[in-house]
C-alpha cells in the first residue's frame, strides 16, 4: 500500500517539480492573413447618365429594385457588395445630401468612429464625400458624389457576414481603394 501511494505521489509530483520554468501564457489567437490580387479596372458603359471604371474582380448586377441606374458590384470572393443608387436632382439636392449623410450616421451606434474625406474634381464636376467607418458597423465604407445640378450617386459597402472589424479590415481597405478609383474615374453623361 505504501508503495502505491509513493508511486502515485511520484507520478503527480514529478511534473509539478520540473515543469515550472516560468509563467505559462496562452497562445494568442491568430488572424488569417488575407491578400487580394492587384486590381485591374475596366470602363463600363451603362444605360445611365454616368460611367466609371470597375474592378474586374467585381461582378456588375442590376439592383433588385426596379429603379433606373441602381446597380450592385458583387465581390464574391470577399462576400461583399457595393450598392450604387443614382438619383436625378430635381430641386432636392439638400434632401439627397441629408439622406446620404443620415445613412452614414445610422452606423454611428456600432461604429468606433466615422472619418469623412472630401472629394473635389472641378474639371469633371464631381464633388462628394467618402466615409470610412471603423468598428463593428454594418458598412465600413460609404460615399456620395454629385455635380450639384443634375446628378447624385450614393454608394455603400456591405459584407454578408456579421461585422467584425478586425476580420474584414483587409477586404474593407481593398474595397475602399476601389471606391476611390470609381469616384476618380466617374464621368457624368447628358
N, C-alpha and C. Protein backbone atom coordinates (compact mmCIF):
# COMPACT_ATOMS: atom_id res chain seq x y z
N UNK A 1 0.82 -1.18 0.00
CA UNK A 1 0.00 0.00 0.00
C UNK A 1 0.88 1.26 0.00
N UNK A 2 1.93 1.26 0.83
CA UNK A 2 2.83 2.40 0.90
C UNK A 2 3.52 2.60 -0.44
N UNK A 3 3.83 1.50 -1.15
CA UNK A 3 4.47 1.62 -2.46
C UNK A 3 3.53 2.27 -3.46
N UNK A 4 2.25 1.94 -3.40
CA UNK A 4 1.27 2.52 -4.32
C UNK A 4 1.12 4.02 -4.07
N UNK A 5 1.04 4.42 -2.85
CA UNK A 5 0.90 5.84 -2.51
C UNK A 5 2.15 6.60 -2.95
N UNK A 6 3.33 5.99 -2.72
CA UNK A 6 4.58 6.61 -3.11
C UNK A 6 4.64 6.80 -4.64
N UNK A 7 4.23 5.75 -5.40
CA UNK A 7 4.22 5.83 -6.86
C UNK A 7 3.23 6.90 -7.34
N UNK A 8 2.08 6.97 -6.68
CA UNK A 8 1.07 7.95 -7.04
C UNK A 8 1.59 9.37 -6.80
N UNK A 9 2.23 9.59 -5.64
CA UNK A 9 2.79 10.90 -5.34
C UNK A 9 3.92 11.24 -6.31
N UNK A 10 4.70 10.24 -6.64
CA UNK A 10 5.80 10.44 -7.58
C UNK A 10 5.26 10.82 -8.97
N UNK A 11 4.20 10.16 -9.42
CA UNK A 11 3.61 10.48 -10.72
C UNK A 11 3.01 11.89 -10.74
N UNK A 12 2.35 12.27 -9.67
CA UNK A 12 1.72 13.58 -9.61
C UNK A 12 2.76 14.67 -9.36
N UNK A 13 3.67 14.45 -8.49
CA UNK A 13 4.62 15.48 -8.05
C UNK A 13 5.73 15.75 -9.03
N UNK A 14 6.20 14.74 -9.76
CA UNK A 14 7.34 14.90 -10.66
C UNK A 14 7.08 15.98 -11.72
N UNK A 15 5.96 15.94 -12.44
CA UNK A 15 5.74 17.01 -13.42
C UNK A 15 5.63 18.39 -12.77
N UNK A 16 5.08 18.44 -11.59
CA UNK A 16 4.95 19.73 -10.91
C UNK A 16 6.31 20.30 -10.54
N UNK A 17 7.24 19.44 -10.17
CA UNK A 17 8.56 19.89 -9.77
C UNK A 17 9.40 20.38 -10.95
N UNK A 18 9.26 19.71 -12.08
CA UNK A 18 10.14 20.01 -13.21
C UNK A 18 9.50 20.86 -14.31
N UNK A 19 8.21 21.10 -14.24
CA UNK A 19 7.56 21.83 -15.32
C UNK A 19 7.42 23.32 -15.06
N UNK A 20 7.69 23.77 -13.89
CA UNK A 20 7.52 25.19 -13.55
C UNK A 20 8.78 25.97 -13.90
N UNK A 21 8.90 26.38 -15.16
CA UNK A 21 10.09 27.11 -15.59
C UNK A 21 9.73 28.53 -15.98
N UNK A 22 8.70 29.05 -15.49
CA UNK A 22 8.30 30.42 -15.82
C UNK A 22 6.79 30.50 -15.95
N UNK A 23 6.39 31.68 -16.28
CA UNK A 23 4.96 31.94 -16.39
C UNK A 23 4.41 31.28 -17.65
N UNK A 24 3.31 30.60 -17.53
CA UNK A 24 2.68 29.95 -18.66
C UNK A 24 1.64 30.90 -19.23
N UNK A 25 1.76 31.20 -20.52
CA UNK A 25 0.83 32.10 -21.17
C UNK A 25 0.10 31.37 -22.29
N UNK A 26 -1.16 31.66 -22.45
CA UNK A 26 -1.87 31.03 -23.58
C UNK A 26 -1.38 31.63 -24.90
N UNK A 27 -1.47 30.84 -25.96
CA UNK A 27 -1.09 31.33 -27.28
C UNK A 27 -2.12 32.35 -27.74
N UNK A 28 -1.67 33.44 -28.33
CA UNK A 28 -2.64 34.42 -28.84
C UNK A 28 -3.39 33.84 -30.03
N UNK A 29 -4.63 34.29 -30.20
CA UNK A 29 -5.40 33.84 -31.34
C UNK A 29 -4.77 34.40 -32.61
N UNK A 30 -4.66 33.57 -33.61
CA UNK A 30 -4.08 34.01 -34.87
C UNK A 30 -5.12 34.61 -35.77
N UNK A 31 -4.71 35.53 -36.61
CA UNK A 31 -5.59 36.14 -37.59
C UNK A 31 -5.17 35.65 -38.97
N UNK A 32 -6.13 35.33 -39.78
CA UNK A 32 -5.89 34.89 -41.13
C UNK A 32 -5.39 36.08 -41.95
N UNK A 33 -4.28 35.91 -42.62
CA UNK A 33 -3.77 37.00 -43.46
C UNK A 33 -4.42 36.89 -44.83
N UNK A 34 -5.20 37.91 -45.15
CA UNK A 34 -5.91 37.93 -46.41
C UNK A 34 -5.19 38.84 -47.39
N UNK A 35 -5.05 38.37 -48.59
CA UNK A 35 -4.47 39.21 -49.64
C UNK A 35 -5.31 39.03 -50.89
N UNK A 36 -5.38 40.07 -51.69
CA UNK A 36 -6.21 40.05 -52.88
C UNK A 36 -5.36 40.44 -54.07
N UNK A 37 -5.77 40.02 -55.26
CA UNK A 37 -4.97 40.35 -56.44
C UNK A 37 -4.96 41.85 -56.71
N UNK A 38 -3.92 42.28 -57.39
CA UNK A 38 -3.82 43.68 -57.77
C UNK A 38 -5.03 43.99 -58.66
N UNK A 39 -5.72 45.08 -58.37
CA UNK A 39 -6.93 45.37 -59.15
C UNK A 39 -6.64 45.72 -60.59
N UNK A 40 -7.50 45.24 -61.47
CA UNK A 40 -7.47 45.60 -62.88
C UNK A 40 -8.82 46.23 -63.18
N UNK A 41 -8.80 47.42 -63.73
CA UNK A 41 -10.03 48.18 -63.93
C UNK A 41 -10.39 48.25 -65.41
N UNK A 42 -11.70 48.31 -65.63
CA UNK A 42 -12.22 48.40 -66.98
C UNK A 42 -13.43 49.33 -66.96
N UNK A 43 -13.48 50.24 -67.93
CA UNK A 43 -14.62 51.15 -68.01
C UNK A 43 -15.86 50.39 -68.41
N UNK A 44 -16.95 50.69 -67.73
CA UNK A 44 -18.21 50.04 -68.07
C UNK A 44 -19.18 51.08 -68.61
N UNK A 45 -19.87 50.70 -69.64
CA UNK A 45 -20.88 51.57 -70.21
C UNK A 45 -22.24 51.09 -69.73
N UNK A 46 -22.97 51.99 -69.15
CA UNK A 46 -24.30 51.67 -68.64
C UNK A 46 -25.32 52.54 -69.36
N UNK A 47 -26.56 52.11 -69.43
CA UNK A 47 -27.59 52.98 -69.99
C UNK A 47 -28.03 54.02 -68.94
N UNK A 48 -27.06 54.70 -68.39
CA UNK A 48 -27.26 55.65 -67.29
C UNK A 48 -26.49 56.92 -67.59
N UNK A 49 -26.79 57.99 -66.85
CA UNK A 49 -26.07 59.24 -67.08
C UNK A 49 -24.70 59.31 -66.40
N UNK A 50 -24.06 58.17 -66.19
CA UNK A 50 -22.72 58.14 -65.62
C UNK A 50 -21.97 56.92 -66.11
N UNK A 51 -20.65 57.03 -66.15
CA UNK A 51 -19.78 55.89 -66.45
C UNK A 51 -18.62 55.94 -65.45
N UNK A 52 -18.01 54.79 -65.24
CA UNK A 52 -16.86 54.71 -64.35
C UNK A 52 -16.11 53.42 -64.66
N UNK A 53 -14.95 53.27 -64.04
CA UNK A 53 -14.17 52.04 -64.17
C UNK A 53 -14.43 51.17 -62.95
N UNK A 54 -14.65 49.89 -63.21
CA UNK A 54 -14.86 48.94 -62.11
C UNK A 54 -13.75 47.91 -62.09
N UNK A 55 -13.52 47.36 -60.94
CA UNK A 55 -12.53 46.30 -60.75
C UNK A 55 -13.04 45.04 -61.45
N UNK A 56 -12.18 44.38 -62.21
CA UNK A 56 -12.54 43.14 -62.89
C UNK A 56 -12.92 42.03 -61.90
N UNK A 57 -12.47 42.16 -60.66
CA UNK A 57 -12.81 41.18 -59.63
C UNK A 57 -14.28 41.24 -59.26
N UNK A 58 -14.92 42.36 -59.52
CA UNK A 58 -16.34 42.52 -59.16
C UNK A 58 -17.23 42.16 -60.33
N UNK A 59 -18.45 41.80 -59.98
CA UNK A 59 -19.46 41.43 -60.98
C UNK A 59 -20.59 42.47 -60.90
N UNK A 60 -20.87 43.10 -62.04
CA UNK A 60 -21.93 44.12 -62.09
C UNK A 60 -23.28 43.44 -62.23
N UNK A 61 -24.21 43.83 -61.36
CA UNK A 61 -25.57 43.27 -61.41
C UNK A 61 -26.56 44.42 -61.26
N UNK A 62 -27.67 44.31 -61.96
CA UNK A 62 -28.75 45.28 -61.79
C UNK A 62 -29.35 45.07 -60.41
N UNK A 63 -29.64 46.15 -59.71
CA UNK A 63 -30.24 46.03 -58.38
C UNK A 63 -31.63 45.40 -58.49
N UNK A 64 -32.05 44.73 -57.44
CA UNK A 64 -33.35 44.05 -57.44
C UNK A 64 -34.51 45.02 -57.58
N UNK A 65 -34.37 46.18 -56.98
CA UNK A 65 -35.42 47.18 -57.11
C UNK A 65 -35.48 47.64 -58.56
N UNK A 66 -36.65 47.90 -59.01
CA UNK A 66 -36.81 48.38 -60.39
C UNK A 66 -36.59 49.88 -60.46
N UNK A 67 -35.42 50.29 -60.07
CA UNK A 67 -35.04 51.71 -60.14
C UNK A 67 -34.02 51.85 -61.25
N UNK A 68 -34.21 52.86 -62.06
CA UNK A 68 -33.27 53.11 -63.15
C UNK A 68 -31.90 53.44 -62.57
N UNK A 69 -30.90 52.83 -63.11
CA UNK A 69 -29.49 53.12 -62.80
C UNK A 69 -29.08 52.80 -61.37
N UNK A 70 -29.74 51.83 -60.75
CA UNK A 70 -29.29 51.29 -59.47
C UNK A 70 -28.59 49.97 -59.79
N UNK A 71 -27.32 49.86 -59.38
CA UNK A 71 -26.53 48.67 -59.67
C UNK A 71 -25.79 48.20 -58.42
N UNK A 72 -25.37 46.94 -58.45
CA UNK A 72 -24.57 46.36 -57.38
C UNK A 72 -23.29 45.82 -57.98
N UNK A 73 -22.18 46.06 -57.30
CA UNK A 73 -20.92 45.43 -57.66
C UNK A 73 -20.67 44.34 -56.63
N UNK A 74 -20.78 43.08 -57.05
CA UNK A 74 -20.62 41.95 -56.15
C UNK A 74 -19.17 41.49 -56.16
N UNK A 75 -18.60 41.36 -54.97
CA UNK A 75 -17.26 40.82 -54.78
C UNK A 75 -17.44 39.45 -54.11
N UNK A 76 -17.62 38.43 -54.93
CA UNK A 76 -17.96 37.11 -54.42
C UNK A 76 -16.89 36.53 -53.50
N UNK A 77 -15.61 36.72 -53.83
CA UNK A 77 -14.53 36.18 -53.00
C UNK A 77 -14.49 36.80 -51.61
N UNK A 78 -14.96 38.03 -51.50
CA UNK A 78 -14.95 38.74 -50.22
C UNK A 78 -16.31 38.70 -49.52
N UNK A 79 -17.28 38.15 -50.22
CA UNK A 79 -18.67 38.14 -49.71
C UNK A 79 -19.11 39.56 -49.37
N UNK A 80 -18.89 40.45 -50.34
CA UNK A 80 -19.22 41.86 -50.14
C UNK A 80 -19.92 42.39 -51.38
N UNK A 81 -20.69 43.45 -51.18
CA UNK A 81 -21.38 44.11 -52.27
C UNK A 81 -21.28 45.62 -52.09
N UNK A 82 -21.01 46.30 -53.19
CA UNK A 82 -21.05 47.76 -53.23
C UNK A 82 -22.36 48.12 -53.92
N UNK A 83 -23.27 48.72 -53.17
CA UNK A 83 -24.58 49.11 -53.68
C UNK A 83 -24.51 50.54 -54.21
N UNK A 84 -24.93 50.74 -55.45
CA UNK A 84 -24.89 52.05 -56.08
C UNK A 84 -26.32 52.49 -56.40
N UNK A 85 -26.69 53.68 -55.94
CA UNK A 85 -28.02 54.22 -56.17
C UNK A 85 -27.89 55.60 -56.80
N UNK A 86 -28.53 55.76 -57.96
CA UNK A 86 -28.45 57.03 -58.70
C UNK A 86 -29.78 57.78 -58.57
N UNK A 87 -29.67 59.09 -58.41
CA UNK A 87 -30.84 59.96 -58.35
C UNK A 87 -30.62 61.16 -59.27
N UNK A 88 -31.65 61.54 -59.97
CA UNK A 88 -31.63 62.78 -60.74
C UNK A 88 -32.03 63.90 -59.78
N UNK A 89 -31.28 64.98 -59.80
CA UNK A 89 -31.58 66.11 -58.92
C UNK A 89 -32.72 66.93 -59.53
N UNK A 90 -33.76 67.13 -58.73
CA UNK A 90 -34.91 67.95 -59.13
C UNK A 90 -35.23 68.92 -58.00
N UNK A 91 -34.40 69.91 -57.82
CA UNK A 91 -34.57 70.87 -56.72
C UNK A 91 -34.60 70.17 -55.35
N UNK A 92 -33.91 69.04 -55.24
CA UNK A 92 -33.91 68.29 -53.98
C UNK A 92 -32.50 67.93 -53.52
N UNK A 93 -31.52 68.71 -53.91
CA UNK A 93 -30.13 68.40 -53.53
C UNK A 93 -29.97 68.38 -52.01
N UNK A 94 -30.57 69.33 -51.33
CA UNK A 94 -30.47 69.36 -49.86
C UNK A 94 -31.00 68.07 -49.24
N UNK A 95 -32.12 67.61 -49.73
CA UNK A 95 -32.74 66.38 -49.22
C UNK A 95 -31.86 65.16 -49.51
N UNK A 96 -31.30 65.08 -50.72
CA UNK A 96 -30.42 63.97 -51.07
C UNK A 96 -29.16 63.96 -50.22
N UNK A 97 -28.57 65.12 -50.00
CA UNK A 97 -27.37 65.23 -49.16
C UNK A 97 -27.69 64.80 -47.73
N UNK A 98 -28.80 65.28 -47.21
CA UNK A 98 -29.19 64.94 -45.83
C UNK A 98 -29.42 63.43 -45.69
N UNK A 99 -30.11 62.82 -46.68
CA UNK A 99 -30.37 61.38 -46.63
C UNK A 99 -29.06 60.58 -46.68
N UNK A 100 -28.13 60.99 -47.54
CA UNK A 100 -26.84 60.28 -47.65
C UNK A 100 -26.05 60.40 -46.36
N UNK A 101 -26.05 61.58 -45.75
CA UNK A 101 -25.32 61.77 -44.50
C UNK A 101 -26.00 61.03 -43.35
N UNK A 102 -27.33 61.00 -43.34
CA UNK A 102 -28.06 60.26 -42.30
C UNK A 102 -27.82 58.76 -42.40
N UNK A 103 -27.70 58.26 -43.63
CA UNK A 103 -27.41 56.84 -43.81
C UNK A 103 -26.10 56.47 -43.14
N UNK A 104 -25.11 57.32 -43.28
CA UNK A 104 -23.82 57.08 -42.63
C UNK A 104 -23.95 57.20 -41.12
N UNK A 105 -24.67 58.18 -40.65
CA UNK A 105 -24.80 58.40 -39.21
C UNK A 105 -25.56 57.26 -38.51
N UNK A 106 -26.39 56.52 -39.24
CA UNK A 106 -27.10 55.38 -38.67
C UNK A 106 -26.13 54.33 -38.16
N UNK A 107 -24.94 54.27 -38.71
CA UNK A 107 -23.93 53.29 -38.31
C UNK A 107 -23.13 53.75 -37.10
N UNK A 108 -23.36 54.98 -36.66
CA UNK A 108 -22.58 55.54 -35.55
C UNK A 108 -22.80 54.77 -34.26
N UNK A 109 -23.94 54.12 -34.10
CA UNK A 109 -24.23 53.35 -32.88
C UNK A 109 -23.20 52.25 -32.67
N UNK A 110 -22.86 51.53 -33.73
CA UNK A 110 -21.91 50.42 -33.64
C UNK A 110 -20.48 50.83 -34.00
N UNK A 111 -20.33 51.99 -34.61
CA UNK A 111 -19.01 52.40 -35.09
C UNK A 111 -18.16 52.96 -33.95
N UNK A 112 -16.85 52.75 -34.09
CA UNK A 112 -15.90 53.38 -33.17
C UNK A 112 -15.60 54.80 -33.64
N UNK A 113 -15.79 55.03 -34.92
CA UNK A 113 -15.54 56.35 -35.47
C UNK A 113 -15.93 56.42 -36.93
N UNK A 114 -16.22 57.62 -37.40
CA UNK A 114 -16.53 57.85 -38.81
C UNK A 114 -15.63 58.99 -39.28
N UNK A 115 -14.82 58.67 -40.30
CA UNK A 115 -13.87 59.66 -40.81
C UNK A 115 -14.31 60.08 -42.22
N UNK A 116 -14.76 61.33 -42.37
CA UNK A 116 -15.13 61.80 -43.71
C UNK A 116 -13.91 62.28 -44.48
N UNK A 117 -13.95 62.04 -45.78
CA UNK A 117 -12.88 62.52 -46.67
C UNK A 117 -13.54 63.19 -47.87
N UNK A 118 -13.30 64.47 -48.02
CA UNK A 118 -13.92 65.24 -49.10
C UNK A 118 -13.26 64.92 -50.43
N UNK A 119 -14.06 64.89 -51.48
CA UNK A 119 -13.53 64.68 -52.83
C UNK A 119 -14.03 65.83 -53.72
N UNK A 120 -13.10 66.46 -54.43
CA UNK A 120 -13.44 67.55 -55.33
C UNK A 120 -12.65 67.39 -56.62
N UNK A 121 -13.36 67.34 -57.74
CA UNK A 121 -12.74 67.37 -59.06
C UNK A 121 -13.55 68.35 -59.91
N UNK A 122 -13.15 69.59 -59.88
CA UNK A 122 -13.89 70.65 -60.58
C UNK A 122 -13.90 70.44 -62.08
N UNK A 123 -12.83 69.89 -62.62
CA UNK A 123 -12.73 69.68 -64.06
C UNK A 123 -13.83 68.73 -64.56
N UNK A 124 -14.09 67.64 -63.80
CA UNK A 124 -15.12 66.68 -64.18
C UNK A 124 -16.47 66.96 -63.51
N UNK A 125 -16.51 68.00 -62.69
CA UNK A 125 -17.70 68.35 -61.93
C UNK A 125 -18.18 67.19 -61.06
N UNK A 126 -17.24 66.62 -60.31
CA UNK A 126 -17.55 65.54 -59.38
C UNK A 126 -17.13 66.01 -57.99
N UNK A 127 -18.12 66.10 -57.10
CA UNK A 127 -17.91 66.58 -55.74
C UNK A 127 -18.58 65.59 -54.79
N UNK A 128 -17.95 65.31 -53.67
CA UNK A 128 -18.59 64.38 -52.75
C UNK A 128 -17.80 64.11 -51.50
N UNK A 129 -18.23 63.06 -50.81
CA UNK A 129 -17.62 62.63 -49.55
C UNK A 129 -17.49 61.12 -49.56
N UNK A 130 -16.38 60.66 -49.00
CA UNK A 130 -16.17 59.24 -48.74
C UNK A 130 -16.08 59.10 -47.23
N UNK A 131 -16.83 58.15 -46.68
CA UNK A 131 -16.83 57.94 -45.23
C UNK A 131 -16.17 56.60 -44.91
N UNK A 132 -15.16 56.65 -44.06
CA UNK A 132 -14.53 55.44 -43.53
C UNK A 132 -15.12 55.20 -42.15
N UNK A 133 -15.81 54.08 -42.01
CA UNK A 133 -16.48 53.75 -40.75
C UNK A 133 -15.66 52.65 -40.06
N UNK A 134 -15.12 52.95 -38.88
CA UNK A 134 -14.33 51.96 -38.15
C UNK A 134 -15.18 51.35 -37.04
N UNK A 135 -14.85 50.13 -36.68
CA UNK A 135 -15.61 49.42 -35.66
C UNK A 135 -16.51 48.37 -36.30
N UNK A 136 -17.36 47.77 -35.50
CA UNK A 136 -18.21 46.67 -35.96
C UNK A 136 -19.52 47.16 -36.57
N UNK A 137 -19.45 48.17 -37.40
CA UNK A 137 -20.63 48.69 -38.08
C UNK A 137 -20.95 47.82 -39.30
N UNK A 138 -22.18 47.88 -39.75
CA UNK A 138 -22.62 47.05 -40.88
C UNK A 138 -21.93 47.44 -42.18
N UNK A 139 -21.61 48.71 -42.36
CA UNK A 139 -20.99 49.18 -43.59
C UNK A 139 -19.70 49.93 -43.27
N UNK A 140 -18.53 49.41 -43.71
CA UNK A 140 -17.27 50.08 -43.41
C UNK A 140 -16.95 51.27 -44.32
N UNK A 141 -17.66 51.39 -45.44
CA UNK A 141 -17.40 52.49 -46.38
C UNK A 141 -18.69 52.92 -47.04
N UNK A 142 -18.85 54.23 -47.12
CA UNK A 142 -19.98 54.82 -47.82
C UNK A 142 -19.51 56.08 -48.51
N UNK A 143 -20.24 56.48 -49.55
CA UNK A 143 -19.87 57.71 -50.25
C UNK A 143 -21.08 58.29 -50.97
N UNK A 144 -20.93 59.53 -51.36
CA UNK A 144 -21.85 60.13 -52.30
C UNK A 144 -21.06 61.09 -53.17
N UNK A 145 -21.50 61.23 -54.42
CA UNK A 145 -20.90 62.19 -55.35
C UNK A 145 -22.02 62.85 -56.13
N UNK A 146 -21.76 64.07 -56.56
CA UNK A 146 -22.75 64.84 -57.29
C UNK A 146 -22.06 65.87 -58.17
N UNK A 147 -22.82 66.38 -59.14
CA UNK A 147 -22.34 67.54 -59.90
C UNK A 147 -23.02 68.80 -59.38
N UNK A 148 -23.86 68.65 -58.38
CA UNK A 148 -24.60 69.73 -57.71
C UNK A 148 -25.74 70.32 -58.53
N UNK A 149 -25.95 69.79 -59.74
CA UNK A 149 -27.01 70.35 -60.60
C UNK A 149 -27.99 69.28 -61.05
N UNK A 150 -27.48 68.18 -61.62
CA UNK A 150 -28.34 67.16 -62.22
C UNK A 150 -28.19 65.76 -61.62
N UNK A 151 -26.99 65.39 -61.17
CA UNK A 151 -26.70 64.00 -60.84
C UNK A 151 -26.30 63.82 -59.38
N UNK A 152 -26.71 62.66 -58.83
CA UNK A 152 -26.37 62.33 -57.44
C UNK A 152 -26.23 60.80 -57.36
N UNK A 153 -25.06 60.32 -56.94
CA UNK A 153 -24.80 58.88 -56.83
C UNK A 153 -24.36 58.57 -55.41
N UNK A 154 -24.99 57.56 -54.81
CA UNK A 154 -24.69 57.13 -53.44
C UNK A 154 -24.18 55.70 -53.50
N UNK A 155 -23.19 55.37 -52.67
CA UNK A 155 -22.69 54.00 -52.61
C UNK A 155 -22.42 53.57 -51.18
N UNK A 156 -22.67 52.28 -50.93
CA UNK A 156 -22.43 51.69 -49.61
C UNK A 156 -21.91 50.28 -49.77
N UNK A 157 -20.92 49.91 -48.96
CA UNK A 157 -20.37 48.56 -48.95
C UNK A 157 -20.99 47.79 -47.78
N UNK A 158 -21.43 46.58 -48.06
CA UNK A 158 -21.93 45.69 -47.01
C UNK A 158 -21.33 44.31 -47.22
N UNK A 159 -20.99 43.65 -46.12
CA UNK A 159 -20.49 42.29 -46.14
C UNK A 159 -21.60 41.33 -45.77
N UNK A 160 -21.52 40.10 -46.25
CA UNK A 160 -22.53 39.08 -45.98
C UNK A 160 -22.21 38.30 -44.70
N UNK A 161 -21.45 38.90 -43.83
CA UNK A 161 -21.07 38.25 -42.57
C UNK A 161 -21.33 39.22 -41.42
N UNK A 162 -21.39 38.68 -40.23
CA UNK A 162 -21.55 39.53 -39.06
C UNK A 162 -20.33 40.45 -38.96
N UNK A 163 -20.57 41.75 -38.75
CA UNK A 163 -19.43 42.68 -38.72
C UNK A 163 -18.44 42.37 -37.60
N UNK A 164 -17.19 42.18 -37.98
CA UNK A 164 -16.07 42.04 -37.06
C UNK A 164 -14.94 42.83 -37.71
N UNK A 165 -14.74 44.03 -37.22
CA UNK A 165 -13.85 45.00 -37.88
C UNK A 165 -12.47 44.42 -38.17
N UNK A 166 -11.88 43.73 -37.19
CA UNK A 166 -10.53 43.19 -37.40
C UNK A 166 -10.49 42.16 -38.52
N UNK A 167 -11.54 41.36 -38.64
CA UNK A 167 -11.56 40.30 -39.65
C UNK A 167 -11.79 40.84 -41.05
N UNK A 168 -12.64 41.85 -41.18
CA UNK A 168 -12.95 42.36 -42.52
C UNK A 168 -12.05 43.51 -42.95
N UNK A 169 -11.16 43.95 -42.09
CA UNK A 169 -10.33 45.11 -42.39
C UNK A 169 -9.55 45.01 -43.70
N UNK A 170 -8.88 43.89 -44.00
CA UNK A 170 -8.17 43.83 -45.29
C UNK A 170 -9.11 43.99 -46.49
N UNK A 171 -10.26 43.34 -46.44
CA UNK A 171 -11.23 43.46 -47.53
C UNK A 171 -11.82 44.86 -47.57
N UNK A 172 -12.11 45.44 -46.42
CA UNK A 172 -12.67 46.79 -46.36
C UNK A 172 -11.69 47.80 -46.96
N UNK A 173 -10.41 47.67 -46.67
CA UNK A 173 -9.40 48.57 -47.24
C UNK A 173 -9.30 48.41 -48.75
N UNK A 174 -9.35 47.16 -49.21
CA UNK A 174 -9.30 46.88 -50.65
C UNK A 174 -10.49 47.54 -51.35
N UNK A 175 -11.68 47.38 -50.77
CA UNK A 175 -12.89 47.94 -51.37
C UNK A 175 -12.89 49.47 -51.30
N UNK A 176 -12.33 50.04 -50.24
CA UNK A 176 -12.23 51.50 -50.13
C UNK A 176 -11.38 52.05 -51.28
N UNK A 177 -10.31 51.34 -51.63
CA UNK A 177 -9.49 51.76 -52.77
C UNK A 177 -10.27 51.66 -54.08
N UNK A 178 -11.11 50.64 -54.21
CA UNK A 178 -11.96 50.52 -55.40
C UNK A 178 -12.97 51.67 -55.47
N UNK A 179 -13.51 52.06 -54.33
CA UNK A 179 -14.44 53.19 -54.30
C UNK A 179 -13.74 54.46 -54.75
N UNK A 180 -12.54 54.68 -54.24
CA UNK A 180 -11.78 55.88 -54.65
C UNK A 180 -11.53 55.87 -56.15
N UNK A 181 -11.18 54.70 -56.69
CA UNK A 181 -10.94 54.61 -58.13
C UNK A 181 -12.24 54.86 -58.91
N UNK A 182 -13.33 54.30 -58.44
CA UNK A 182 -14.62 54.52 -59.08
C UNK A 182 -14.93 56.02 -59.15
N UNK A 183 -14.76 56.71 -58.03
CA UNK A 183 -15.05 58.14 -57.97
C UNK A 183 -14.09 58.93 -58.86
N UNK A 184 -12.81 58.58 -58.85
CA UNK A 184 -11.83 59.29 -59.66
C UNK A 184 -12.08 59.13 -61.15
N UNK A 185 -12.68 58.01 -61.57
CA UNK A 185 -12.93 57.77 -62.99
C UNK A 185 -14.38 58.07 -63.38
N UNK A 186 -15.19 58.49 -62.44
CA UNK A 186 -16.60 58.79 -62.71
C UNK A 186 -16.73 59.99 -63.65
N UNK A 187 -17.60 59.82 -64.64
CA UNK A 187 -17.90 60.93 -65.56
C UNK A 187 -19.41 60.98 -65.74
N UNK A 188 -19.94 62.18 -65.73
CA UNK A 188 -21.38 62.37 -65.94
C UNK A 188 -21.65 62.44 -67.44
N UNK A 189 -22.75 61.84 -67.86
CA UNK A 189 -23.19 61.92 -69.26
C UNK A 189 -24.50 62.70 -69.29
N UNK A 190 -24.74 63.40 -70.38
CA UNK A 190 -26.03 64.11 -70.52
C UNK A 190 -26.78 63.64 -71.72
